[in-house]
N, C-alpha and C. Protein backbone atom coordinates (compact mmCIF):
# COMPACT_ATOMS: atom_id res chain seq x y z
N MET A 1 -3.52 1.13 16.89
CA MET A 1 -4.90 1.55 16.56
C MET A 1 -4.89 1.91 15.00
N ALA A 2 -6.11 1.76 14.45
CA ALA A 2 -6.43 2.21 13.14
C ALA A 2 -7.80 2.46 13.04
N GLY A 3 -8.23 3.24 12.25
CA GLY A 3 -9.67 3.70 11.90
C GLY A 3 -9.89 4.41 10.64
N ILE A 4 -11.15 4.53 10.39
CA ILE A 4 -11.51 5.10 9.02
C ILE A 4 -12.68 6.14 9.39
N SER A 5 -12.80 7.08 8.41
CA SER A 5 -14.08 8.02 8.69
C SER A 5 -15.15 7.23 7.86
N LEU A 6 -16.48 7.70 8.19
CA LEU A 6 -17.64 7.27 7.43
C LEU A 6 -18.45 8.39 7.17
N ILE A 7 -17.85 9.34 6.19
CA ILE A 7 -18.74 10.49 6.06
C ILE A 7 -19.69 10.23 4.75
N PRO A 8 -20.92 10.48 4.96
CA PRO A 8 -21.86 10.14 3.79
C PRO A 8 -21.48 10.92 2.62
N ALA A 9 -21.71 10.42 1.50
CA ALA A 9 -21.59 10.86 0.36
C ALA A 9 -20.05 11.17 -0.18
N ILE A 10 -19.14 10.56 0.47
CA ILE A 10 -17.77 10.38 0.05
C ILE A 10 -17.30 9.24 -0.15
N ARG A 11 -16.72 8.86 -1.41
CA ARG A 11 -16.32 7.46 -1.84
C ARG A 11 -15.59 6.88 -0.81
N PHE A 12 -15.51 5.63 -0.77
CA PHE A 12 -14.59 4.88 0.21
C PHE A 12 -13.29 5.15 0.12
N LYS A 13 -12.66 5.17 -1.01
CA LYS A 13 -11.29 5.43 -1.27
C LYS A 13 -10.86 6.90 -0.91
N ASP A 14 -11.85 7.93 -0.58
CA ASP A 14 -11.60 9.28 -0.28
C ASP A 14 -11.80 9.35 1.20
N GLN A 15 -12.18 8.51 1.96
CA GLN A 15 -12.47 8.65 3.31
C GLN A 15 -11.08 8.79 3.92
N MET A 16 -11.14 9.49 5.32
CA MET A 16 -9.91 9.53 5.84
C MET A 16 -9.50 8.21 6.66
N PHE A 17 -8.20 7.73 6.71
CA PHE A 17 -8.05 6.60 7.54
C PHE A 17 -6.70 7.09 8.41
N TYR A 18 -6.55 6.27 9.42
CA TYR A 18 -5.29 6.47 10.20
C TYR A 18 -4.89 5.21 10.71
N ILE A 19 -3.68 5.09 11.09
CA ILE A 19 -2.92 4.10 11.91
C ILE A 19 -2.01 4.77 13.10
N ALA A 20 -1.94 4.12 14.13
CA ALA A 20 -1.37 4.82 15.21
C ALA A 20 -0.62 3.89 15.99
N PRO A 21 0.55 3.45 15.74
CA PRO A 21 1.35 2.41 16.62
C PRO A 21 1.90 3.21 17.73
N ARG A 22 2.03 2.56 18.78
CA ARG A 22 2.43 3.07 20.05
C ARG A 22 2.99 2.12 21.11
N TYR A 23 3.87 2.52 21.75
CA TYR A 23 4.67 1.58 22.77
C TYR A 23 4.78 2.36 24.17
N GLY A 24 4.28 1.67 25.23
CA GLY A 24 4.24 2.20 26.52
C GLY A 24 4.98 1.39 27.48
N VAL A 25 5.31 2.03 28.58
CA VAL A 25 5.97 1.38 29.81
C VAL A 25 5.49 1.98 31.01
N GLU A 26 5.23 1.19 32.03
CA GLU A 26 4.73 1.69 33.33
C GLU A 26 6.11 2.24 34.13
N VAL A 27 6.06 3.52 34.60
CA VAL A 27 7.22 3.99 35.18
C VAL A 27 7.04 3.67 36.75
N VAL A 28 6.02 3.87 37.31
CA VAL A 28 5.77 3.71 38.64
C VAL A 28 4.17 3.33 38.73
N GLU A 29 3.86 2.73 39.79
CA GLU A 29 2.43 2.39 39.88
C GLU A 29 1.48 3.55 39.68
N GLN A 30 0.48 3.26 38.85
CA GLN A 30 -0.37 4.36 38.31
C GLN A 30 0.12 5.26 37.46
N PHE A 31 1.32 5.22 36.91
CA PHE A 31 1.84 6.26 35.86
C PHE A 31 2.59 5.67 34.84
N SER A 32 2.23 5.85 33.67
CA SER A 32 2.94 5.20 32.31
C SER A 32 3.27 6.35 31.54
N LEU A 33 4.29 6.00 30.70
CA LEU A 33 4.62 6.85 29.49
C LEU A 33 4.54 6.05 28.33
N SER A 34 4.44 6.74 27.31
CA SER A 34 4.18 5.96 25.95
C SER A 34 4.56 7.05 24.89
N GLY A 35 5.11 6.38 23.72
CA GLY A 35 5.48 7.33 22.57
C GLY A 35 4.92 6.58 21.36
N GLY A 36 4.69 7.21 20.28
CA GLY A 36 4.22 6.61 19.12
C GLY A 36 4.12 7.78 17.93
N LEU A 37 3.41 7.25 16.99
CA LEU A 37 3.16 8.08 15.65
C LEU A 37 1.57 7.81 15.30
N LEU A 38 1.13 8.79 14.87
CA LEU A 38 -0.17 8.91 14.30
C LEU A 38 0.04 9.49 12.84
N TYR A 39 -0.51 8.49 12.00
CA TYR A 39 -0.35 8.87 10.53
C TYR A 39 -1.81 8.81 9.87
N MET A 40 -2.28 9.80 9.24
CA MET A 40 -3.49 10.01 8.68
C MET A 40 -3.22 10.24 7.14
N SER A 41 -4.28 9.78 6.35
CA SER A 41 -4.42 10.15 4.94
C SER A 41 -5.77 10.16 4.49
N ALA A 42 -6.04 10.95 3.31
CA ALA A 42 -7.42 11.08 2.84
C ALA A 42 -7.29 11.07 1.33
N GLY A 43 -7.84 10.07 0.78
CA GLY A 43 -7.70 9.99 -0.65
C GLY A 43 -6.40 9.74 -1.40
N GLY A 44 -5.34 9.38 -0.48
CA GLY A 44 -3.98 9.22 -1.07
C GLY A 44 -3.18 10.41 -1.42
N ASP A 45 -3.89 11.61 -1.62
CA ASP A 45 -3.07 12.77 -1.98
C ASP A 45 -2.68 13.54 -0.80
N ILE A 46 -3.43 13.50 0.40
CA ILE A 46 -3.00 14.36 1.54
C ILE A 46 -2.56 13.40 2.52
N ALA A 47 -1.56 13.66 3.33
CA ALA A 47 -0.91 12.76 4.29
C ALA A 47 -0.36 13.68 5.50
N ALA A 48 -0.61 13.33 6.76
CA ALA A 48 -0.21 14.11 7.83
C ALA A 48 -0.09 13.10 8.99
N GLY A 49 0.53 13.65 10.04
CA GLY A 49 0.47 12.94 11.39
C GLY A 49 1.26 13.60 12.44
N ILE A 50 1.41 12.92 13.52
CA ILE A 50 1.91 13.53 14.70
C ILE A 50 2.89 12.39 15.30
N SER A 51 4.09 12.79 15.62
CA SER A 51 4.79 12.00 16.45
C SER A 51 4.72 12.54 17.80
N PHE A 52 4.53 11.58 18.93
CA PHE A 52 4.03 12.14 20.37
C PHE A 52 4.73 11.19 21.34
N ILE A 53 4.64 11.95 22.59
CA ILE A 53 4.96 11.17 23.75
C ILE A 53 3.89 11.54 24.77
N THR A 54 3.20 10.62 25.59
CA THR A 54 2.14 10.91 26.54
C THR A 54 2.49 10.37 27.95
N GLY A 55 1.78 10.91 28.90
CA GLY A 55 1.87 10.26 30.20
C GLY A 55 0.41 9.97 30.72
N THR A 56 0.18 8.94 31.33
CA THR A 56 -1.19 8.47 31.68
C THR A 56 -0.95 8.26 33.30
N TYR A 57 -2.02 8.83 34.00
CA TYR A 57 -2.09 8.64 35.49
C TYR A 57 -3.46 7.98 35.71
N GLY A 58 -3.28 6.79 36.50
CA GLY A 58 -4.58 6.20 37.13
C GLY A 58 -4.58 4.78 36.86
N LEU A 59 -5.59 4.28 36.86
CA LEU A 59 -5.88 2.75 36.67
C LEU A 59 -6.50 2.59 35.24
N PRO A 60 -6.36 1.28 34.67
CA PRO A 60 -7.16 1.11 33.32
C PRO A 60 -8.59 1.55 33.43
N ASP A 61 -9.07 1.36 34.69
CA ASP A 61 -10.73 1.74 34.64
C ASP A 61 -10.91 3.19 34.68
N LYS A 62 -10.11 3.91 35.15
CA LYS A 62 -10.30 5.25 35.19
C LYS A 62 -8.98 6.12 35.15
N CYS A 63 -8.63 6.76 34.07
CA CYS A 63 -7.30 7.45 33.97
C CYS A 63 -7.29 8.80 33.27
N ILE A 64 -6.40 9.42 33.18
CA ILE A 64 -6.24 10.72 32.58
C ILE A 64 -4.99 10.62 31.81
N THR A 65 -4.85 11.41 30.57
CA THR A 65 -3.68 11.31 29.71
C THR A 65 -3.40 12.85 29.29
N ALA A 66 -2.16 13.19 29.31
CA ALA A 66 -1.58 14.34 28.69
C ALA A 66 -0.41 14.10 28.03
N GLY A 67 -0.24 14.87 26.77
CA GLY A 67 1.03 14.77 26.02
C GLY A 67 1.41 15.84 25.34
N LEU A 68 2.43 15.50 24.33
CA LEU A 68 2.97 16.72 23.47
C LEU A 68 3.30 15.88 22.22
N GLY A 69 2.88 16.69 21.07
CA GLY A 69 3.41 16.12 19.81
C GLY A 69 3.84 17.08 18.88
N LEU A 70 4.41 16.65 17.90
CA LEU A 70 4.96 17.47 16.72
C LEU A 70 4.28 17.03 15.51
N GLY A 71 3.47 17.79 14.83
CA GLY A 71 2.94 17.46 13.50
C GLY A 71 4.00 17.45 12.47
N PHE A 72 3.49 16.76 11.40
CA PHE A 72 3.99 16.71 10.01
C PHE A 72 3.09 16.39 9.07
N SER A 73 3.66 16.83 7.76
CA SER A 73 2.81 16.60 6.57
C SER A 73 3.63 16.08 5.44
N THR A 74 3.26 15.52 4.41
CA THR A 74 3.99 15.08 3.28
C THR A 74 3.34 15.66 2.01
N ASP A 75 4.23 15.96 1.23
CA ASP A 75 3.73 16.44 -0.20
C ASP A 75 4.92 16.07 -1.18
N GLU A 76 4.32 15.12 -2.02
CA GLU A 76 5.13 14.37 -3.11
C GLU A 76 6.44 13.83 -2.46
N GLY A 77 6.21 13.16 -1.26
CA GLY A 77 7.32 12.57 -0.58
C GLY A 77 8.21 13.17 0.20
N ASP A 78 8.09 14.64 0.28
CA ASP A 78 8.73 15.49 1.25
C ASP A 78 8.07 15.66 2.58
N ILE A 79 8.80 15.44 3.59
CA ILE A 79 8.13 15.52 4.82
C ILE A 79 8.44 16.87 5.48
N GLU A 80 7.47 17.68 6.00
CA GLU A 80 7.49 18.98 6.56
C GLU A 80 7.06 18.93 7.94
N PHE A 81 7.83 19.29 9.05
CA PHE A 81 7.41 19.36 10.48
C PHE A 81 6.90 20.74 10.78
N ALA A 82 5.92 20.78 11.79
CA ALA A 82 5.21 21.85 12.13
C ALA A 82 6.29 22.73 13.05
N ARG A 83 6.04 23.98 13.18
CA ARG A 83 6.80 24.87 13.91
C ARG A 83 6.16 24.93 15.33
N TYR A 84 4.96 24.63 15.63
CA TYR A 84 4.60 24.66 16.89
C TYR A 84 3.96 23.24 17.41
N PRO A 85 4.11 22.87 18.78
CA PRO A 85 3.73 21.59 19.17
C PRO A 85 2.07 21.48 19.41
N ILE A 86 1.59 20.19 19.36
CA ILE A 86 0.24 19.96 19.55
C ILE A 86 0.16 19.42 21.09
N LEU A 87 -0.82 19.84 21.86
CA LEU A 87 -1.09 19.33 23.24
C LEU A 87 -2.21 18.52 23.12
N VAL A 88 -2.04 17.31 23.75
CA VAL A 88 -2.93 16.33 23.80
C VAL A 88 -3.51 15.98 25.18
N TRP A 89 -4.88 15.74 25.40
CA TRP A 89 -5.38 15.37 26.74
C TRP A 89 -6.47 14.74 26.44
N GLY A 90 -6.75 13.86 27.48
CA GLY A 90 -8.13 12.90 27.40
C GLY A 90 -8.09 12.00 28.65
N GLY A 91 -9.02 11.12 28.43
CA GLY A 91 -9.31 10.22 29.60
C GLY A 91 -10.14 8.95 29.11
N ASN A 92 -10.29 8.14 30.06
CA ASN A 92 -11.06 6.86 30.03
C ASN A 92 -11.68 6.55 31.17
N LEU A 93 -12.95 6.22 31.11
CA LEU A 93 -13.87 5.84 32.40
C LEU A 93 -14.55 4.46 31.98
N ARG A 94 -14.31 3.64 32.75
CA ARG A 94 -14.98 2.25 32.39
C ARG A 94 -16.39 2.24 33.04
N LEU A 95 -17.25 2.03 32.38
CA LEU A 95 -18.79 1.85 32.76
C LEU A 95 -19.13 0.49 33.36
N THR A 96 -18.76 -0.49 32.42
CA THR A 96 -19.17 -1.99 32.79
C THR A 96 -17.91 -2.70 32.42
N ASN A 97 -18.20 -4.04 32.49
CA ASN A 97 -17.01 -5.05 32.09
C ASN A 97 -16.64 -4.77 30.65
N SER A 98 -17.61 -4.29 29.69
CA SER A 98 -16.96 -4.26 28.18
C SER A 98 -17.48 -3.01 27.62
N LEU A 99 -17.82 -1.84 28.51
CA LEU A 99 -18.05 -0.48 28.02
C LEU A 99 -17.35 0.50 28.80
N ALA A 100 -16.76 1.65 27.98
CA ALA A 100 -16.00 2.58 28.54
C ALA A 100 -16.33 3.89 27.76
N LEU A 101 -16.26 5.08 28.31
CA LEU A 101 -16.34 6.44 27.68
C LEU A 101 -14.86 6.78 27.80
N VAL A 102 -14.42 7.40 26.28
CA VAL A 102 -13.18 7.69 26.08
C VAL A 102 -13.23 9.03 25.47
N SER A 103 -12.27 9.94 25.72
CA SER A 103 -12.18 11.24 24.99
C SER A 103 -10.65 11.42 24.66
N GLU A 104 -10.35 11.97 23.56
CA GLU A 104 -9.13 12.45 23.34
C GLU A 104 -9.04 13.85 22.57
N ASN A 105 -8.48 14.72 22.97
CA ASN A 105 -8.65 16.12 22.49
C ASN A 105 -7.37 16.72 22.28
N TRP A 106 -7.08 17.49 21.13
CA TRP A 106 -5.90 18.09 20.77
C TRP A 106 -5.98 19.70 20.82
N LEU A 107 -5.06 20.32 21.26
CA LEU A 107 -4.89 21.71 21.22
C LEU A 107 -3.77 22.14 20.13
N ILE A 108 -4.16 22.46 19.02
CA ILE A 108 -3.25 22.67 18.02
C ILE A 108 -2.75 24.22 18.11
N THR A 109 -1.36 24.25 18.78
CA THR A 109 -1.02 25.70 18.95
C THR A 109 -0.37 26.28 17.92
N GLY A 110 -0.21 27.58 17.96
CA GLY A 110 0.35 28.29 16.98
C GLY A 110 0.07 29.71 16.92
N GLU A 111 0.62 30.61 15.88
CA GLU A 111 0.20 31.96 15.66
C GLU A 111 -1.20 32.10 15.44
N ASP A 112 -1.94 31.32 14.73
CA ASP A 112 -3.35 31.50 14.55
C ASP A 112 -4.23 30.56 15.41
N PHE A 113 -3.88 30.50 16.67
CA PHE A 113 -4.65 29.58 17.62
C PHE A 113 -6.01 30.00 17.80
N GLN A 114 -6.97 29.19 17.59
CA GLN A 114 -8.46 29.56 17.79
C GLN A 114 -9.10 28.41 18.40
N ILE A 115 -9.68 28.51 19.73
CA ILE A 115 -10.30 27.53 20.32
C ILE A 115 -11.51 26.99 19.56
N SER A 116 -12.21 27.76 18.74
CA SER A 116 -13.26 27.30 17.85
C SER A 116 -12.84 26.21 16.74
N ALA A 117 -11.42 26.25 16.55
CA ALA A 117 -11.05 25.29 15.51
C ALA A 117 -10.41 24.12 16.02
N GLN A 118 -10.62 23.82 17.36
CA GLN A 118 -10.01 22.76 18.07
C GLN A 118 -10.81 21.61 17.94
N PRO A 119 -10.21 20.36 17.84
CA PRO A 119 -10.84 19.16 17.81
C PRO A 119 -11.16 18.48 19.34
N PHE A 120 -12.29 18.30 19.58
CA PHE A 120 -12.67 17.50 20.88
C PHE A 120 -13.42 16.28 20.57
N SER A 121 -13.29 15.20 21.26
CA SER A 121 -14.09 14.06 21.09
C SER A 121 -14.76 13.26 22.29
N LEU A 122 -15.47 12.49 21.93
CA LEU A 122 -16.06 11.65 22.96
C LEU A 122 -16.74 10.30 22.29
N ALA A 123 -16.34 9.31 22.61
CA ALA A 123 -16.78 8.01 22.00
C ALA A 123 -17.12 6.91 23.39
N ALA A 124 -17.84 5.89 22.88
CA ALA A 124 -18.25 4.75 23.51
C ALA A 124 -17.18 3.69 23.06
N ARG A 125 -16.49 3.02 23.95
CA ARG A 125 -15.58 1.99 23.54
C ARG A 125 -16.11 0.63 23.99
N PHE A 126 -16.23 -0.18 23.06
CA PHE A 126 -16.89 -1.51 23.32
C PHE A 126 -15.65 -2.51 23.24
N PHE A 127 -15.37 -3.29 24.23
CA PHE A 127 -14.20 -3.98 24.36
C PHE A 127 -14.36 -5.43 24.83
N GLY A 128 -13.38 -6.34 24.38
CA GLY A 128 -13.24 -7.53 25.00
C GLY A 128 -11.73 -7.73 25.46
N GLU A 129 -11.30 -9.00 25.53
CA GLU A 129 -9.91 -9.23 26.03
C GLU A 129 -8.73 -8.53 25.24
N HIS A 130 -8.91 -8.64 23.80
CA HIS A 130 -7.86 -8.20 22.93
C HIS A 130 -8.43 -7.05 21.91
N ILE A 131 -9.55 -6.90 21.79
CA ILE A 131 -10.13 -6.11 20.69
C ILE A 131 -11.00 -5.08 21.13
N ALA A 132 -11.11 -3.84 20.77
CA ALA A 132 -12.04 -2.91 21.11
C ALA A 132 -12.47 -2.12 19.90
N VAL A 133 -13.74 -1.56 19.91
CA VAL A 133 -14.27 -0.73 18.94
C VAL A 133 -14.68 0.50 19.58
N ASP A 134 -14.13 1.69 18.96
CA ASP A 134 -14.77 3.14 19.48
C ASP A 134 -15.70 3.55 18.44
N LEU A 135 -16.96 4.16 18.93
CA LEU A 135 -17.89 4.79 18.09
C LEU A 135 -18.32 5.97 18.79
N GLY A 136 -18.07 6.98 18.17
CA GLY A 136 -18.33 8.37 18.72
C GLY A 136 -18.22 9.52 17.70
N MET A 137 -17.93 10.72 18.25
CA MET A 137 -17.84 11.78 17.28
C MET A 137 -16.77 12.83 17.67
N ILE A 138 -16.31 13.47 16.60
CA ILE A 138 -15.32 14.51 16.94
C ILE A 138 -16.06 15.94 16.76
N LEU A 139 -15.86 16.72 17.71
CA LEU A 139 -16.64 17.95 17.69
C LEU A 139 -15.59 19.10 17.61
N VAL A 140 -15.70 19.82 16.47
CA VAL A 140 -15.00 21.00 16.11
C VAL A 140 -16.02 22.16 15.99
N PRO A 141 -16.11 23.00 16.89
CA PRO A 141 -17.01 24.12 16.97
C PRO A 141 -17.35 24.79 15.55
N GLU A 142 -16.13 25.20 14.86
CA GLU A 142 -16.54 25.88 13.64
C GLU A 142 -17.19 24.92 12.69
N ILE A 143 -16.98 23.45 12.56
CA ILE A 143 -17.75 22.65 11.85
C ILE A 143 -19.31 22.44 12.32
N LEU A 144 -19.42 22.53 13.53
CA LEU A 144 -20.71 22.36 14.04
C LEU A 144 -21.56 23.40 13.83
N ASP A 145 -21.14 24.63 13.49
CA ASP A 145 -21.98 25.78 13.04
C ASP A 145 -22.47 25.52 11.71
N LYS A 146 -21.76 24.70 10.93
CA LYS A 146 -22.19 24.41 9.56
C LYS A 146 -22.97 23.12 9.38
N GLY A 147 -23.13 22.32 10.44
CA GLY A 147 -23.73 21.05 10.26
C GLY A 147 -23.69 20.16 11.48
N PHE A 148 -22.91 19.12 11.29
CA PHE A 148 -22.84 17.98 12.37
C PHE A 148 -21.55 17.46 12.79
N PRO A 149 -21.40 16.76 13.79
CA PRO A 149 -20.09 16.24 14.25
C PRO A 149 -19.37 15.33 13.39
N ILE A 150 -18.22 15.15 13.41
CA ILE A 150 -17.45 14.32 12.51
C ILE A 150 -17.60 12.86 13.18
N PRO A 151 -18.10 11.91 12.45
CA PRO A 151 -18.19 10.64 13.13
C PRO A 151 -16.84 9.83 13.36
N TRP A 152 -16.71 9.11 14.45
CA TRP A 152 -15.51 8.55 14.75
C TRP A 152 -15.79 6.88 14.99
N LEU A 153 -14.97 6.11 14.19
CA LEU A 153 -15.05 4.67 14.22
C LEU A 153 -13.55 4.29 14.17
N SER A 154 -13.15 3.38 15.30
CA SER A 154 -11.93 3.02 15.28
C SER A 154 -12.10 1.64 15.79
N PHE A 155 -10.97 0.69 15.39
CA PHE A 155 -10.78 -0.70 15.90
C PHE A 155 -9.40 -0.81 16.64
N ILE A 156 -9.21 -1.38 17.75
CA ILE A 156 -8.20 -1.39 18.47
C ILE A 156 -7.81 -2.86 18.79
N TYR A 157 -6.61 -3.34 18.47
CA TYR A 157 -6.16 -4.84 18.78
C TYR A 157 -4.87 -4.56 19.83
N ASN A 158 -5.10 -5.06 21.00
CA ASN A 158 -4.04 -5.06 22.03
C ASN A 158 -3.19 -6.33 21.93
N PHE A 159 -1.87 -6.09 21.53
CA PHE A 159 -1.04 -7.27 21.45
C PHE A 159 -0.38 -7.51 22.83
N GLY A 160 -0.58 -6.68 23.87
CA GLY A 160 -0.04 -7.06 25.18
C GLY A 160 -0.85 -7.88 25.89
N GLY A 161 -0.39 -8.25 27.05
CA GLY A 161 -1.24 -9.16 27.98
C GLY A 161 -2.28 -8.67 28.88
């Protein structure tokens, strides 16, 4: 997966972008495991990400996913890992042959855990045989108090069959 933010009044080179390679295998019918890496950067000066493992139960048309990740950040080439894990949960519900609702949500644990600072998301996924586009929003209650949700736009290419 890959994506970029589209926040008005921010120069293109300062928008957040991400890439997220992932590999998965079916363990038993209707249950799969996958692992991967999410890397994000904004303006080239700030970089962070998550290494993760997830489990998915269900069929491609209707499934739920839960996982565990460990965050990291970079500063002048040095990588620092988080002390606390990130819990990931979400799901996918196919509505038509080319449209689904998608949600991916993170609970960033730690000493200063606050539910109002947690990102929750909802997007419409438009897809074909190998490519999909997600268009939605990321909702962070603290940010919503100050304005609007964070736009979500991502493009996905499926290399598998």
